[in-house]
Amino acid sequence: MENWQKYISINPEIRSGKPCISGTRITVSDVLSYLASGMSIEEIIEDFPTLDKEKIIATLSFAAYRDNITKIAFAS
């Protein structure tokens, strides 16, 4: 999903500026943690009805984007 910007927002007034699903206080990190713990997309949607599959996929796309632009400098 290339248009994750439609679903992810960053507002310093919400959750200390962590990336969130737009219109919610659910962070990208929250969703990634749920998926990593073994929850299915359907289980997450059941627990958080404001989410849908497209928004959850957007969190994965956002995480991939952030990982792709993150550079770590190593001391030599």
PDB file of N, CA and C in Angstrom:
ATOM      1  N   MET A   1       0.855  -1.183   0.000  1.00  0.00           N
ATOM      2  CA  MET A   1       0.000   0.000   0.000  1.00  0.00           C
ATOM      3  C   MET A   1       0.891   1.233   0.000  1.00  0.00           C
ATOM      4  N   GLU A   2       0.771   2.005  -1.044  1.00  0.00           N
ATOM      5  CA  GLU A   2       1.589   3.197  -1.176  1.00  0.00           C
ATOM      6  C   GLU A   2       0.960   4.421  -0.526  1.00  0.00           C
ATOM      7  N   ASN A   3      -0.335   4.401  -0.294  1.00  0.00           N
ATOM      8  CA  ASN A   3      -0.993   5.592   0.247  1.00  0.00           C
ATOM      9  C   ASN A   3      -1.287   5.463   1.738  1.00  0.00           C
ATOM     10  N   TRP A   4      -0.291   5.003   2.513  1.00  0.00           N
ATOM     11  CA  TRP A   4      -0.487   4.890   3.949  1.00  0.00           C
ATOM     12  C   TRP A   4      -0.730   6.262   4.586  1.00  0.00           C
ATOM     13  N   GLN A   5      -0.298   7.339   3.915  1.00  0.00           N
ATOM     14  CA  GLN A   5      -0.485   8.694   4.454  1.00  0.00           C
ATOM     15  C   GLN A   5      -1.956   9.011   4.693  1.00  0.00           C
ATOM     16  N   LYS A   6      -2.827   8.354   3.954  1.00  0.00           N
ATOM     17  CA  LYS A   6      -4.266   8.561   4.106  1.00  0.00           C
ATOM     18  C   LYS A   6      -4.756   8.065   5.470  1.00  0.00           C
ATOM     19  N   TYR A   7      -4.047   7.103   6.053  1.00  0.00           N
ATOM     20  CA  TYR A   7      -4.511   6.449   7.279  1.00  0.00           C
ATOM     21  C   TYR A   7      -3.650   6.700   8.509  1.00  0.00           C
ATOM     22  N   ILE A   8      -2.455   7.228   8.338  1.00  0.00           N
ATOM     23  CA  ILE A   8      -1.538   7.420   9.458  1.00  0.00           C
ATOM     24  C   ILE A   8      -1.323   8.914   9.670  1.00  0.00           C
ATOM     25  N   SER A   9      -1.434   9.348  10.916  1.00  0.00           N
ATOM     26  CA  SER A   9      -1.207  10.760  11.224  1.00  0.00           C
ATOM     27  C   SER A   9      -0.281  10.878  12.432  1.00  0.00           C
ATOM     28  N   ILE A  10       0.407  12.014  12.487  1.00  0.00           N
ATOM     29  CA  ILE A  10       1.282  12.303  13.613  1.00  0.00           C
ATOM     30  C   ILE A  10       0.887  13.673  14.138  1.00  0.00           C
ATOM     31  N   ASN A  11       0.452  13.694  15.390  1.00  0.00           N
ATOM     32  CA  ASN A  11       0.005  14.928  16.030  1.00  0.00           C
ATOM     33  C   ASN A  11       0.649  14.983  17.413  1.00  0.00           C
ATOM     34  N   PRO A  12       1.443  16.012  17.691  1.00  0.00           N
ATOM     35  CA  PRO A  12       2.119  16.081  18.987  1.00  0.00           C
ATOM     36  C   PRO A  12       1.149  16.091  20.186  1.00  0.00           C
ATOM     37  N   GLU A  13      -0.115  16.413  19.936  1.00  0.00           N
ATOM     38  CA  GLU A  13      -1.114  16.451  21.008  1.00  0.00           C
ATOM     39  C   GLU A  13      -1.754  15.084  21.277  1.00  0.00           C
ATOM     40  N   ILE A  14      -1.487  14.111  20.410  1.00  0.00           N
ATOM     41  CA  ILE A  14      -2.095  12.783  20.556  1.00  0.00           C
ATOM     42  C   ILE A  14      -0.990  11.755  20.749  1.00  0.00           C
ATOM     43  N   ARG A  15      -1.060  11.037  21.858  1.00  0.00           N
ATOM     44  CA  ARG A  15      -0.114   9.961  22.192  1.00  0.00           C
ATOM     45  C   ARG A  15       1.339  10.422  22.054  1.00  0.00           C
ATOM     46  N   SER A  16       1.607  11.646  22.500  1.00  0.00           N
ATOM     47  CA  SER A  16       2.969  12.217  22.508  1.00  0.00           C
ATOM     48  C   SER A  16       3.604  12.262  21.126  1.00  0.00           C
ATOM     49  N   GLY A  17       2.783  12.378  20.098  1.00  0.00           N
ATOM     50  CA  GLY A  17       3.300  12.507  18.747  1.00  0.00           C
ATOM     51  C   GLY A  17       3.656  11.199  18.066  1.00  0.00           C
ATOM     52  N   LYS A  18       3.276  10.085  18.670  1.00  0.00           N
ATOM     53  CA  LYS A  18       3.530   8.794  18.018  1.00  0.00           C
ATOM     54  C   LYS A  18       2.607   8.661  16.807  1.00  0.00           C
ATOM     55  N   PRO A  19       3.070   7.996  15.759  1.00  0.00           N
ATOM     56  CA  PRO A  19       2.203   7.789  14.593  1.00  0.00           C
ATOM     57  C   PRO A  19       0.969   6.975  14.990  1.00  0.00           C
ATOM     58  N   CYS A  20      -0.206   7.476  14.633  1.00  0.00           N
ATOM     59  CA  CYS A  20      -1.483   6.841  14.989  1.00  0.00           C
ATOM     60  C   CYS A  20      -2.329   6.603  13.743  1.00  0.00           C
ATOM     61  N   ILE A  21      -3.275   5.688  13.896  1.00  0.00           N
ATOM     62  CA  ILE A  21      -4.296   5.532  12.871  1.00  0.00           C
ATOM     63  C   ILE A  21      -5.137   6.805  12.918  1.00  0.00           C
ATOM     64  N   SER A  22      -5.302   7.469  11.794  1.00  0.00           N
ATOM     65  CA  SER A  22      -6.037   8.734  11.745  1.00  0.00           C
ATOM     66  C   SER A  22      -7.411   8.606  12.387  1.00  0.00           C
ATOM     67  N   GLY A  23      -7.743   9.604  13.199  1.00  0.00           N
ATOM     68  CA  GLY A  23      -9.045   9.632  13.856  1.00  0.00           C
ATOM     69  C   GLY A  23      -9.142   8.763  15.097  1.00  0.00           C
ATOM     70  N   THR A  24      -8.021   8.141  15.496  1.00  0.00           N
ATOM     71  CA  THR A  24      -8.019   7.299  16.694  1.00  0.00           C
ATOM     72  C   THR A  24      -6.811   7.650  17.553  1.00  0.00           C
ATOM     73  N   ARG A  25      -6.723   7.018  18.699  1.00  0.00           N
ATOM     74  CA  ARG A  25      -5.542   7.124  19.543  1.00  0.00           C
ATOM     75  C   ARG A  25      -4.749   5.814  19.510  1.00  0.00           C
ATOM     76  N   ILE A  26      -5.022   4.983  18.519  1.00  0.00           N
ATOM     77  CA  ILE A  26      -4.347   3.700  18.367  1.00  0.00           C
ATOM     78  C   ILE A  26      -3.072   3.934  17.563  1.00  0.00           C
ATOM     79  N   THR A  27      -1.923   3.617  18.169  1.00  0.00           N
ATOM     80  CA  THR A  27      -0.656   3.872  17.491  1.00  0.00           C
ATOM     81  C   THR A  27      -0.288   2.738  16.535  1.00  0.00           C
ATOM     82  N   VAL A  28       0.578   3.081  15.604  1.00  0.00           N
ATOM     83  CA  VAL A  28       1.131   2.076  14.700  1.00  0.00           C
ATOM     84  C   VAL A  28       1.805   0.989  15.531  1.00  0.00           C
ATOM     85  N   SER A  29       2.526   1.409  16.548  1.00  0.00           N
ATOM     86  CA  SER A  29       3.210   0.458  17.424  1.00  0.00           C
ATOM     87  C   SER A  29       2.229  -0.486  18.109  1.00  0.00           C
ATOM     88  N   ASP A  30       1.079   0.026  18.531  1.00  0.00           N
ATOM     89  CA  ASP A  30       0.056  -0.834  19.143  1.00  0.00           C
ATOM     90  C   ASP A  30      -0.345  -1.941  18.173  1.00  0.00           C
ATOM     91  N   VAL A  31      -0.663  -1.559  16.946  1.00  0.00           N
ATOM     92  CA  VAL A  31      -1.121  -2.532  15.948  1.00  0.00           C
ATOM     93  C   VAL A  31      -0.020  -3.542  15.648  1.00  0.00           C
ATOM     94  N   LEU A  32       1.210  -3.072  15.491  1.00  0.00           N
ATOM     95  CA  LEU A  32       2.315  -3.991  15.227  1.00  0.00           C
ATOM     96  C   LEU A  32       2.508  -4.961  16.385  1.00  0.00           C
ATOM     97  N   SER A  33       2.346  -4.476  17.604  1.00  0.00           N
ATOM     98  CA  SER A  33       2.468  -5.349  18.782  1.00  0.00           C
ATOM     99  C   SER A  33       1.371  -6.406  18.796  1.00  0.00           C
ATOM    100  N   TYR A  34       0.157  -6.012  18.446  1.00  0.00           N
ATOM    101  CA  TYR A  34      -0.943  -6.989  18.404  1.00  0.00           C
ATOM    102  C   TYR A  34      -0.649  -8.076  17.364  1.00  0.00           C
ATOM    103  N   LEU A  35      -0.183  -7.661  16.201  1.00  0.00           N
ATOM    104  CA  LEU A  35       0.133  -8.634  15.150  1.00  0.00           C
ATOM    105  C   LEU A  35       1.289  -9.537  15.585  1.00  0.00           C
ATOM    106  N   ALA A  36       2.309  -8.947  16.210  1.00  0.00           N
ATOM    107  CA  ALA A  36       3.470  -9.725  16.653  1.00  0.00           C
ATOM    108  C   ALA A  36       3.113 -10.724  17.744  1.00  0.00           C
ATOM    109  N   SER A  37       2.081 -10.399  18.531  1.00  0.00           N
ATOM    110  CA  SER A  37       1.670 -11.312  19.601  1.00  0.00           C
ATOM    111  C   SER A  37       0.838 -12.479  19.078  1.00  0.00           C
ATOM    112  N   GLY A  38       0.512 -12.427  17.781  1.00  0.00           N
ATOM    113  CA  GLY A  38      -0.229 -13.523  17.175  1.00  0.00           C
ATOM    114  C   GLY A  38      -1.685 -13.234  16.883  1.00  0.00           C
ATOM    115  N   MET A  39      -2.141 -12.013  17.190  1.00  0.00           N
ATOM    116  CA  MET A  39      -3.522 -11.673  16.867  1.00  0.00           C
ATOM    117  C   MET A  39      -3.690 -11.598  15.359  1.00  0.00           C
ATOM    118  N   SER A  40      -4.824 -12.062  14.877  1.00  0.00           N
ATOM    119  CA  SER A  40      -5.126 -11.945  13.449  1.00  0.00           C
ATOM    120  C   SER A  40      -5.721 -10.555  13.186  1.00  0.00           C
ATOM    121  N   ILE A  41      -5.745 -10.194  11.930  1.00  0.00           N
ATOM    122  CA  ILE A  41      -6.362  -8.918  11.552  1.00  0.00           C
ATOM    123  C   ILE A  41      -7.820  -8.901  11.999  1.00  0.00           C
ATOM    124  N   GLU A  42      -8.499 -10.008  11.826  1.00  0.00           N
ATOM    125  CA  GLU A  42      -9.912 -10.097  12.217  1.00  0.00           C
ATOM    126  C   GLU A  42     -10.085  -9.911  13.730  1.00  0.00           C
ATOM    127  N   GLU A  43      -9.177 -10.467  14.535  1.00  0.00           N
ATOM    128  CA  GLU A  43      -9.258 -10.300  15.991  1.00  0.00           C
ATOM    129  C   GLU A  43      -9.026  -8.854  16.396  1.00  0.00           C
ATOM    130  N   ILE A  44      -8.085  -8.206  15.735  1.00  0.00           N
ATOM    131  CA  ILE A  44      -7.817  -6.790  16.038  1.00  0.00           C
ATOM    132  C   ILE A  44      -9.042  -5.950  15.706  1.00  0.00           C
ATOM    133  N   ILE A  45      -9.642  -6.196  14.559  1.00  0.00           N
ATOM    134  CA  ILE A  45     -10.839  -5.441  14.156  1.00  0.00           C
ATOM    135  C   ILE A  45     -11.979  -5.701  15.139  1.00  0.00           C
ATOM    136  N   GLU A  46     -12.100  -6.928  15.608  1.00  0.00           N
ATOM    137  CA  GLU A  46     -13.146  -7.256  16.584  1.00  0.00           C
ATOM    138  C   GLU A  46     -12.945  -6.475  17.885  1.00  0.00           C
ATOM    139  N   ASP A  47     -11.680  -6.359  18.329  1.00  0.00           N
ATOM    140  CA  ASP A  47     -11.379  -5.621  19.561  1.00  0.00           C
ATOM    141  C   ASP A  47     -11.416  -4.108  19.368  1.00  0.00           C
ATOM    142  N   PHE A  48     -11.128  -3.655  18.158  1.00  0.00           N
ATOM    143  CA  PHE A  48     -11.069  -2.222  17.858  1.00  0.00           C
ATOM    144  C   PHE A  48     -11.887  -1.944  16.602  1.00  0.00           C
ATOM    145  N   PRO A  49     -13.198  -1.801  16.736  1.00  0.00           N
ATOM    146  CA  PRO A  49     -14.090  -1.647  15.576  1.00  0.00           C
ATOM    147  C   PRO A  49     -13.819  -0.412  14.716  1.00  0.00           C
ATOM    148  N   THR A  50     -13.053   0.562  15.227  1.00  0.00           N
ATOM    149  CA  THR A  50     -12.720   1.735  14.404  1.00  0.00           C
ATOM    150  C   THR A  50     -11.673   1.387  13.347  1.00  0.00           C
ATOM    151  N   LEU A  51     -11.058   0.217  13.479  1.00  0.00           N
ATOM    152  CA  LEU A  51     -10.063  -0.218  12.503  1.00  0.00           C
ATOM    153  C   LEU A  51     -10.710  -1.111  11.454  1.00  0.00           C
ATOM    154  N   ASP A  52     -10.070  -1.185  10.316  1.00  0.00           N
ATOM    155  CA  ASP A  52     -10.463  -2.139   9.278  1.00  0.00           C
ATOM    156  C   ASP A  52      -9.177  -2.670   8.653  1.00  0.00           C
ATOM    157  N   LYS A  53      -9.329  -3.624   7.760  1.00  0.00           N
ATOM    158  CA  LYS A  53      -8.160  -4.277   7.173  1.00  0.00           C
ATOM    159  C   LYS A  53      -7.252  -3.273   6.465  1.00  0.00           C
ATOM    160  N   GLU A  54      -7.829  -2.330   5.759  1.00  0.00           N
ATOM    161  CA  GLU A  54      -7.037  -1.343   5.031  1.00  0.00           C
ATOM    162  C   GLU A  54      -6.168  -0.502   5.969  1.00  0.00           C
ATOM    163  N   LYS A  55      -6.709  -0.121   7.123  1.00  0.00           N
ATOM    164  CA  LYS A  55      -5.946   0.665   8.091  1.00  0.00           C
ATOM    165  C   LYS A  55      -4.823  -0.164   8.711  1.00  0.00           C
ATOM    166  N   ILE A  56      -5.081  -1.427   8.955  1.00  0.00           N
ATOM    167  CA  ILE A  56      -4.048  -2.296   9.520  1.00  0.00           C
ATOM    168  C   ILE A  56      -2.926  -2.517   8.504  1.00  0.00           C
ATOM    169  N   ILE A  57      -3.280  -2.717   7.257  1.00  0.00           N
ATOM    170  CA  ILE A  57      -2.272  -2.852   6.202  1.00  0.00           C
ATOM    171  C   ILE A  57      -1.466  -1.554   6.081  1.00  0.00           C
ATOM    172  N   ALA A  58      -2.124  -0.414   6.274  1.00  0.00           N
ATOM    173  CA  ALA A  58      -1.425   0.875   6.229  1.00  0.00           C
ATOM    174  C   ALA A  58      -0.366   0.958   7.323  1.00  0.00           C
ATOM    175  N   THR A  59      -0.637   0.382   8.501  1.00  0.00           N
ATOM    176  CA  THR A  59       0.374   0.405   9.571  1.00  0.00           C
ATOM    177  C   THR A  59       1.607  -0.386   9.152  1.00  0.00           C
ATOM    178  N   LEU A  60       1.396  -1.510   8.472  1.00  0.00           N
ATOM    179  CA  LEU A  60       2.529  -2.303   7.996  1.00  0.00           C
ATOM    180  C   LEU A  60       3.309  -1.545   6.924  1.00  0.00           C
ATOM    181  N   SER A  61       2.597  -0.878   6.042  1.00  0.00           N
ATOM    182  CA  SER A  61       3.254  -0.086   5.000  1.00  0.00           C
ATOM    183  C   SER A  61       4.046   1.062   5.606  1.00  0.00           C
ATOM    184  N   PHE A  62       3.471   1.714   6.605  1.00  0.00           N
ATOM    185  CA  PHE A  62       4.167   2.806   7.283  1.00  0.00           C
ATOM    186  C   PHE A  62       5.426   2.285   7.959  1.00  0.00           C
ATOM    187  N   ALA A  63       5.337   1.153   8.640  1.00  0.00           N
ATOM    188  CA  ALA A  63       6.500   0.573   9.319  1.00  0.00           C
ATOM    189  C   ALA A  63       7.591   0.221   8.302  1.00  0.00           C
ATOM    190  N   ALA A  64       7.201  -0.336   7.162  1.00  0.00           N
ATOM    191  CA  ALA A  64       8.169  -0.670   6.121  1.00  0.00           C
ATOM    192  C   ALA A  64       8.823   0.597   5.574  1.00  0.00           C
ATOM    193  N   TYR A  65       8.024   1.635   5.384  1.00  0.00           N
ATOM    194  CA  TYR A  65       8.557   2.912   4.907  1.00  0.00           C
ATOM    195  C   TYR A  65       9.566   3.471   5.906  1.00  0.00           C
ATOM    196  N   ARG A  66       9.198   3.486   7.190  1.00  0.00           N
ATOM    197  CA  ARG A  66      10.099   4.020   8.217  1.00  0.00           C
ATOM    198  C   ARG A  66      11.382   3.214   8.281  1.00  0.00           C
ATOM    199  N   ASP A  67      11.263   1.902   8.175  1.00  0.00           N
ATOM    200  CA  ASP A  67      12.448   1.047   8.208  1.00  0.00           C
ATOM    201  C   ASP A  67      13.339   1.326   7.010  1.00  0.00           C
ATOM    202  N   ASN A  68      12.735   1.585   5.880  1.00  0.00           N
ATOM    203  CA  ASN A  68      13.482   1.824   4.654  1.00  0.00           C
ATOM    204  C   ASN A  68      14.266   3.128   4.701  1.00  0.00           C
ATOM    205  N   ILE A  69      13.770   4.133   5.430  1.00  0.00           N
ATOM    206  CA  ILE A  69      14.464   5.422   5.469  1.00  0.00           C
ATOM    207  C   ILE A  69      15.361   5.576   6.690  1.00  0.00           C
ATOM    208  N   THR A  70      15.293   4.636   7.614  1.00  0.00           N
ATOM    209  CA  THR A  70      16.101   4.726   8.827  1.00  0.00           C
ATOM    210  C   THR A  70      17.532   4.275   8.531  1.00  0.00           C
ATOM    211  N   LYS A  71      18.486   5.102   8.918  1.00  0.00           N
ATOM    212  CA  LYS A  71      19.876   4.761   8.757  1.00  0.00           C
ATOM    213  C   LYS A  71      20.539   4.782  10.123  1.00  0.00           C
ATOM    214  N   ILE A  72      21.346   3.790  10.373  1.00  0.00           N
ATOM    215  CA  ILE A  72      22.052   3.703  11.649  1.00  0.00           C
ATOM    216  C   ILE A  72      23.538   3.921  11.389  1.00  0.00           C
ATOM    217  N   ALA A  73      24.118   4.864  12.098  1.00  0.00           N
ATOM    218  CA  ALA A  73      25.535   5.140  11.949  1.00  0.00           C
ATOM    219  C   ALA A  73      26.310   4.305  12.971  1.00  0.00           C
ATOM    220  N   PHE A  74      27.298   3.612  12.499  1.00  0.00           N
ATOM    221  CA  PHE A  74      28.138   2.806  13.372  1.00  0.00           C
ATOM    222  C   PHE A  74      29.483   3.506  13.543  1.00  0.00           C
ATOM    223  N   ALA A  75      29.962   3.507  14.764  1.00  0.00           N
ATOM    224  CA  ALA A  75      31.289   4.082  15.019  1.00  0.00           C
ATOM    225  C   ALA A  75      32.340   3.147  14.433  1.00  0.00           C
ATOM    226  N   SER A  76      33.363   3.731  13.835  1.00  0.00           N
ATOM    227  CA  SER A  76      34.396   2.864  13.244  1.00  0.00           C
ATOM    228  C   SER A  76      35.628   2.788  14.123  1.00  0.00           C
TER     229      SER A  76
END
